[in-house]
Amino acid sequence: MGMPFFFDKGLTKRFIVRIYITIILMLLLLMVAFIFGSQNDQMITLNYLIARTELSVAAAVSLFTVIGFILGLLFAVLWKLVKVLKFKSTKGTV
């Protein structure tokens, strides 16, 4: 059975350390965003295409930080998947 596309036999330790550093940095950035948001109790109005809602600044910062994190993670995984699929397709044609 083959290894997953993100597993590189020669760089396992470096890969794991890079993952840990990335996770720690992302958690620190999330903490800073949540701390910033929790200090602001003002209400803001968000206008959507079909709706309008009032949120506190803390809730808005938290919401958009989580949405940005999820979108960034999704694009990173898709980028890696496309890279691996391109590599496999060029490897098979040579």
C-alpha atoms as a PDB file:
ATOM      1  CA  MET A   1       0.000   0.000   0.000  1.00  0.00           C
ATOM      2  CA  GLY A   2       1.380   3.407  -0.963  1.00  0.00           C
ATOM      3  CA  MET A   3       2.063   6.310   1.341  1.00  0.00           C
ATOM      4  CA  PRO A   4      -0.239   9.338   1.356  1.00  0.00           C
ATOM      5  CA  PHE A   5       0.600  12.108  -1.107  1.00  0.00           C
ATOM      6  CA  PHE A   6       1.911  14.410   1.651  1.00  0.00           C
ATOM      7  CA  PHE A   7       4.345  11.852   3.101  1.00  0.00           C
ATOM      8  CA  ASP A   8       7.945  12.186   1.921  1.00  0.00           C
ATOM      9  CA  LYS A   9      10.220   9.363   3.085  1.00  0.00           C
ATOM     10  CA  GLY A  10      13.413  11.416   3.144  1.00  0.00           C
ATOM     11  CA  LEU A  11      12.091  14.527   4.821  1.00  0.00           C
ATOM     12  CA  THR A  12       9.820  13.129   7.534  1.00  0.00           C
ATOM     13  CA  LYS A  13      11.452  14.836  10.524  1.00  0.00           C
ATOM     14  CA  ARG A  14      11.735  18.185   8.743  1.00  0.00           C
ATOM     15  CA  PHE A  15       8.143  17.882   7.574  1.00  0.00           C
ATOM     16  CA  ILE A  16       6.864  17.134  11.075  1.00  0.00           C
ATOM     17  CA  VAL A  17       8.829  20.048  12.568  1.00  0.00           C
ATOM     18  CA  ARG A  18       7.463  22.361   9.867  1.00  0.00           C
ATOM     19  CA  ILE A  19       3.909  21.206  10.644  1.00  0.00           C
ATOM     20  CA  TYR A  20       4.405  21.855  14.381  1.00  0.00           C
ATOM     21  CA  ILE A  21       5.855  25.326  13.769  1.00  0.00           C
ATOM     22  CA  THR A  22       3.002  26.178  11.398  1.00  0.00           C
ATOM     23  CA  ILE A  23       0.373  25.014  13.880  1.00  0.00           C
ATOM     24  CA  ILE A  24       1.963  26.985  16.720  1.00  0.00           C
ATOM     25  CA  LEU A  25       2.151  30.156  14.599  1.00  0.00           C
ATOM     26  CA  MET A  26      -1.461  29.778  13.481  1.00  0.00           C
ATOM     27  CA  LEU A  27      -2.643  29.268  17.058  1.00  0.00           C
ATOM     28  CA  LEU A  28      -0.721  32.374  18.162  1.00  0.00           C
ATOM     29  CA  LEU A  29      -2.305  34.427  15.386  1.00  0.00           C
ATOM     30  CA  LEU A  30      -5.758  33.127  16.313  1.00  0.00           C
ATOM     31  CA  MET A  31      -5.151  34.002  19.972  1.00  0.00           C
ATOM     32  CA  VAL A  32      -4.111  37.546  19.049  1.00  0.00           C
ATOM     33  CA  ALA A  33      -7.227  37.928  16.884  1.00  0.00           C
ATOM     34  CA  PHE A  34      -9.507  36.663  19.657  1.00  0.00           C
ATOM     35  CA  ILE A  35      -7.827  38.894  22.263  1.00  0.00           C
ATOM     36  CA  PHE A  36      -8.204  41.903  19.977  1.00  0.00           C
ATOM     37  CA  GLY A  37     -11.833  41.063  19.360  1.00  0.00           C
ATOM     38  CA  SER A  38     -12.640  40.513  23.014  1.00  0.00           C
ATOM     39  CA  GLN A  39     -11.432  44.022  23.885  1.00  0.00           C
ATOM     40  CA  ASN A  40     -13.986  45.576  21.519  1.00  0.00           C
ATOM     41  CA  ASP A  41     -17.583  45.261  22.688  1.00  0.00           C
ATOM     42  CA  GLN A  42     -18.991  47.671  20.116  1.00  0.00           C
ATOM     43  CA  MET A  43     -21.758  46.493  17.793  1.00  0.00           C
ATOM     44  CA  ILE A  44     -21.369  46.562  14.010  1.00  0.00           C
ATOM     45  CA  THR A  45     -23.890  45.914  11.248  1.00  0.00           C
ATOM     46  CA  LEU A  46     -23.040  43.393   8.529  1.00  0.00           C
ATOM     47  CA  ASN A  47     -25.043  43.688   5.315  1.00  0.00           C
ATOM     48  CA  TYR A  48     -25.295  40.500   3.258  1.00  0.00           C
ATOM     49  CA  LEU A  49     -26.914  40.244  -0.136  1.00  0.00           C
ATOM     50  CA  ILE A  50     -30.243  39.171   1.339  1.00  0.00           C
ATOM     51  CA  ALA A  51     -29.915  39.846   5.047  1.00  0.00           C
ATOM     52  CA  ARG A  52     -28.520  42.202   7.662  1.00  0.00           C
ATOM     53  CA  THR A  53     -27.224  41.322  11.097  1.00  0.00           C
ATOM     54  CA  GLU A  54     -25.673  43.068  14.064  1.00  0.00           C
ATOM     55  CA  LEU A  55     -22.646  41.469  15.704  1.00  0.00           C
ATOM     56  CA  SER A  56     -20.139  42.571  18.263  1.00  0.00           C
ATOM     57  CA  VAL A  57     -16.669  43.304  16.961  1.00  0.00           C
ATOM     58  CA  ALA A  58     -15.410  40.251  18.873  1.00  0.00           C
ATOM     59  CA  ALA A  59     -17.860  37.946  17.117  1.00  0.00           C
ATOM     60  CA  ALA A  60     -17.077  39.467  13.711  1.00  0.00           C
ATOM     61  CA  VAL A  61     -13.302  39.163  14.204  1.00  0.00           C
ATOM     62  CA  SER A  62     -13.694  35.575  15.387  1.00  0.00           C
ATOM     63  CA  LEU A  63     -16.004  34.670  12.523  1.00  0.00           C
ATOM     64  CA  PHE A  64     -13.817  36.138   9.800  1.00  0.00           C
ATOM     65  CA  THR A  65     -10.606  34.773  11.318  1.00  0.00           C
ATOM     66  CA  VAL A  66     -12.026  31.243  11.350  1.00  0.00           C
ATOM     67  CA  ILE A  67     -13.392  31.632   7.815  1.00  0.00           C
ATOM     68  CA  GLY A  68      -9.999  32.883   6.595  1.00  0.00           C
ATOM     69  CA  PHE A  69      -8.170  30.043   8.328  1.00  0.00           C
ATOM     70  CA  ILE A  70     -10.470  27.425   6.798  1.00  0.00           C
ATOM     71  CA  LEU A  71     -10.191  28.950   3.316  1.00  0.00           C
ATOM     72  CA  GLY A  72      -6.403  29.139   3.585  1.00  0.00           C
ATOM     73  CA  LEU A  73      -6.205  25.533   4.728  1.00  0.00           C
ATOM     74  CA  LEU A  74      -8.503  24.424   1.913  1.00  0.00           C
ATOM     75  CA  PHE A  75      -6.447  26.222  -0.747  1.00  0.00           C
ATOM     76  CA  ALA A  76      -3.177  24.847   0.662  1.00  0.00           C
ATOM     77  CA  VAL A  77      -4.476  21.266   0.552  1.00  0.00           C
ATOM     78  CA  LEU A  78      -5.873  21.727  -2.954  1.00  0.00           C
ATOM     79  CA  TRP A  79      -2.582  23.287  -4.124  1.00  0.00           C
ATOM     80  CA  LYS A  80      -0.629  20.319  -2.770  1.00  0.00           C
ATOM     81  CA  LEU A  81      -3.069  17.852  -4.320  1.00  0.00           C
ATOM     82  CA  VAL A  82      -2.831  19.521  -7.735  1.00  0.00           C
ATOM     83  CA  LYS A  83       0.971  19.549  -7.491  1.00  0.00           C
ATOM     84  CA  VAL A  84       1.073  15.837  -6.685  1.00  0.00           C
ATOM     85  CA  LEU A  85      -1.402  14.965  -9.437  1.00  0.00           C
ATOM     86  CA  LYS A  86       0.596  16.965 -11.999  1.00  0.00           C
ATOM     87  CA  PHE A  87       3.780  15.219 -10.880  1.00  0.00           C
ATOM     88  CA  LYS A  88       2.151  11.806 -11.187  1.00  0.00           C
ATOM     89  CA  SER A  89       0.741  12.594 -14.643  1.00  0.00           C
ATOM     90  CA  THR A  90       4.114  13.843 -15.969  1.00  0.00           C
ATOM     91  CA  LYS A  91       5.913  10.892 -14.353  1.00  0.00           C
ATOM     92  CA  GLY A  92       3.655   8.424 -16.147  1.00  0.00           C
ATOM     93  CA  THR A  93       4.131   9.975 -19.607  1.00  0.00           C
ATOM     94  CA  VAL A  94       7.941   9.999 -19.608  1.00  0.00           C
END
